[in-house]
Amino acid sequence: MKASEAFPSNWLKATDIDAEVGAILTIAGYEMKDIGTEDDKERKPVLSFEEVDKELVLNRTNNNTLIGLFGDETDDWIGRKVKLAVVDASYRGKVGPAIRISTQKVATRATVATMRSEMSTQDAKWEADPAPKK
């Protein structure tokens, strides 16, 4: 048994994610929750995911990244895919591994299919008239 597993957590931690490849997860929910001990509770935004039971407590950076990706309405985030990456970050004067949400949108099968369709259309136009107009 690993000693780190003696006290399981409900929250995603950097050690839960493969630092080499990250993780692509589908957002299942967004809600505000009380985080911390009885003496030190703080209300924070939390993401849940379809693929894992653990939730991600959002810091300001990750919350702002999500707003930039999907807009300010959190209901619009449900069903969207995000890539989680592990980075070194400073927190309370110490540097350690942290989870960051990638600023790049994750391509879904529908997005890839649309891109292929558009590329096929462009190829057909090229084949029909390969010479540029002067």
Protein backbone atom coordinates (compact mmCIF):
# COMPACT_ATOMS: atom_id res chain seq x y z
CA MET A 1 0.00 0.00 0.00
CA LYS A 2 1.16 3.51 -0.74
CA ALA A 3 1.23 5.81 2.28
CA SER A 4 -0.16 8.60 0.07
CA GLU A 5 -3.34 6.53 -0.34
CA ALA A 6 -3.99 6.32 3.42
CA PHE A 7 -6.10 9.47 3.34
CA PRO A 8 -8.01 9.54 0.04
CA SER A 9 -9.18 12.88 -1.26
CA ASN A 10 -12.28 13.93 -3.19
CA TRP A 11 -10.19 16.54 -5.04
CA LEU A 12 -8.02 16.13 -8.12
CA LYS A 13 -4.37 16.77 -7.38
CA ALA A 14 -1.42 17.16 -9.73
CA THR A 15 -0.21 13.71 -8.67
CA ASP A 16 -3.45 12.20 -10.07
CA ILE A 17 -2.51 13.30 -13.60
CA ASP A 18 0.23 11.92 -15.83
CA ALA A 19 2.60 14.89 -16.00
CA GLU A 20 3.97 13.76 -19.38
CA VAL A 21 0.66 13.73 -21.29
CA GLY A 22 -1.91 15.48 -19.09
CA ALA A 23 -5.56 14.43 -19.16
CA ILE A 24 -8.51 15.26 -21.37
CA LEU A 25 -11.76 15.32 -19.40
CA THR A 26 -15.38 16.26 -20.10
CA ILE A 27 -16.96 18.84 -17.80
CA ALA A 28 -20.03 17.40 -16.05
CA GLY A 29 -20.77 20.21 -13.61
CA TYR A 30 -19.75 23.51 -12.04
CA GLU A 31 -20.79 24.59 -8.57
CA MET A 32 -19.65 26.61 -5.60
CA LYS A 33 -18.60 24.54 -2.57
CA ASP A 34 -17.21 25.19 0.89
CA ILE A 35 -13.58 24.05 0.82
CA GLY A 36 -11.33 23.61 3.84
CA THR A 37 -11.64 22.76 7.51
CA GLU A 38 -14.32 23.99 9.88
CA ASP A 39 -12.06 26.82 11.06
CA ASP A 40 -10.82 27.77 7.61
CA LYS A 41 -13.66 27.29 5.09
CA GLU A 42 -13.69 29.19 1.84
CA ARG A 43 -16.32 29.13 -0.90
CA LYS A 44 -14.71 28.14 -4.21
CA PRO A 45 -15.79 27.02 -7.69
CA VAL A 46 -15.50 23.29 -8.33
CA LEU A 47 -15.61 21.31 -11.59
CA SER A 48 -16.84 17.73 -11.82
CA PHE A 49 -16.02 15.47 -14.75
CA GLU A 50 -17.71 12.58 -16.55
CA GLU A 51 -14.60 10.37 -16.56
CA VAL A 52 -13.44 10.59 -12.93
CA ASP A 53 -15.02 10.75 -9.49
CA LYS A 54 -12.67 13.40 -8.12
CA GLU A 55 -13.46 17.09 -8.58
CA LEU A 56 -11.16 20.00 -9.39
CA VAL A 57 -11.19 23.02 -7.11
CA LEU A 58 -10.65 25.99 -9.40
CA ASN A 59 -8.23 28.76 -8.67
CA ARG A 60 -8.59 32.15 -10.33
CA THR A 61 -6.20 31.22 -13.16
CA ASN A 62 -8.10 28.08 -14.16
CA ASN A 63 -11.47 29.79 -13.77
CA ASN A 64 -10.35 32.65 -16.03
CA THR A 65 -8.99 30.15 -18.57
CA LEU A 66 -12.42 28.47 -18.73
CA ILE A 67 -14.12 31.85 -19.22
CA GLY A 68 -11.73 32.56 -22.09
CA LEU A 69 -12.39 29.16 -23.67
CA PHE A 70 -16.16 28.83 -23.26
CA GLY A 71 -17.58 32.17 -22.11
CA ASP A 72 -18.83 33.44 -18.77
CA GLU A 73 -22.00 31.27 -18.56
CA THR A 74 -21.00 28.09 -16.70
CA ASP A 75 -24.03 26.17 -18.01
CA ASP A 76 -22.37 26.40 -21.45
CA TRP A 77 -19.33 24.56 -20.10
CA ILE A 78 -21.19 21.29 -19.48
CA GLY A 79 -20.15 18.64 -22.01
CA ARG A 80 -17.08 20.58 -23.11
CA LYS A 81 -13.68 18.89 -23.05
CA VAL A 82 -10.65 20.40 -21.37
CA LYS A 83 -7.02 19.36 -21.22
CA LEU A 84 -5.48 19.35 -17.77
CA ALA A 85 -1.72 19.78 -17.59
CA VAL A 86 0.72 19.57 -14.70
CA VAL A 87 2.99 22.59 -14.31
CA ASP A 88 5.30 23.97 -11.66
CA ALA A 89 3.60 26.83 -9.87
CA SER A 90 4.28 29.01 -6.87
CA TYR A 91 1.82 28.80 -3.97
CA ARG A 92 2.37 30.47 -0.61
CA GLY A 93 6.07 30.90 -1.31
CA LYS A 94 6.71 27.31 -2.42
CA VAL A 95 7.05 25.92 -5.94
CA GLY A 96 5.41 22.59 -6.67
CA PRO A 97 3.26 20.70 -9.16
CA ALA A 98 -0.14 22.20 -9.94
CA ILE A 99 -3.00 21.53 -12.34
CA ARG A 100 -3.60 24.05 -15.09
CA ILE A 101 -6.34 23.98 -17.70
CA SER A 102 -4.86 24.36 -21.17
CA THR A 103 -5.80 27.55 -22.99
CA GLN A 104 -6.26 25.58 -26.21
CA LYS A 105 -9.65 24.08 -27.01
CA VAL A 106 -9.74 20.31 -27.30
CA ALA A 107 -10.86 19.13 -30.72
CA THR A 108 -13.89 16.87 -30.52
CA ARG A 109 -14.87 14.29 -33.14
CA ALA A 110 -17.49 16.72 -34.46
CA THR A 111 -14.85 19.45 -34.80
CA VAL A 112 -12.48 17.10 -36.60
CA ALA A 113 -15.28 15.92 -38.92
CA THR A 114 -16.17 19.54 -39.73
CA MET A 115 -12.52 20.35 -40.44
CA ARG A 116 -12.19 17.33 -42.74
CA SER A 117 -15.37 18.30 -44.56
CA GLU A 118 -14.11 21.87 -45.06
CA MET A 119 -10.74 20.58 -46.26
CA SER A 120 -12.47 18.25 -48.75
CA THR A 121 -14.50 21.18 -50.06
CA GLN A 122 -11.32 23.25 -50.45
CA ASP A 123 -9.59 20.32 -52.21
CA ALA A 124 -12.52 19.96 -54.62
CA LYS A 125 -12.39 23.69 -55.41
CA TRP A 126 -8.63 23.46 -55.98
CA GLU A 127 -8.96 20.46 -58.28
CA ALA A 128 -11.70 22.21 -60.27
CA ASP A 129 -9.66 25.41 -60.72
CA PRO A 130 -6.00 24.96 -59.67
CA ALA A 131 -4.70 28.04 -61.47
CA PRO A 132 -4.89 31.24 -59.47
CA LYS A 133 -6.84 34.06 -61.09
CA LYS A 134 -4.91 37.13 -62.20
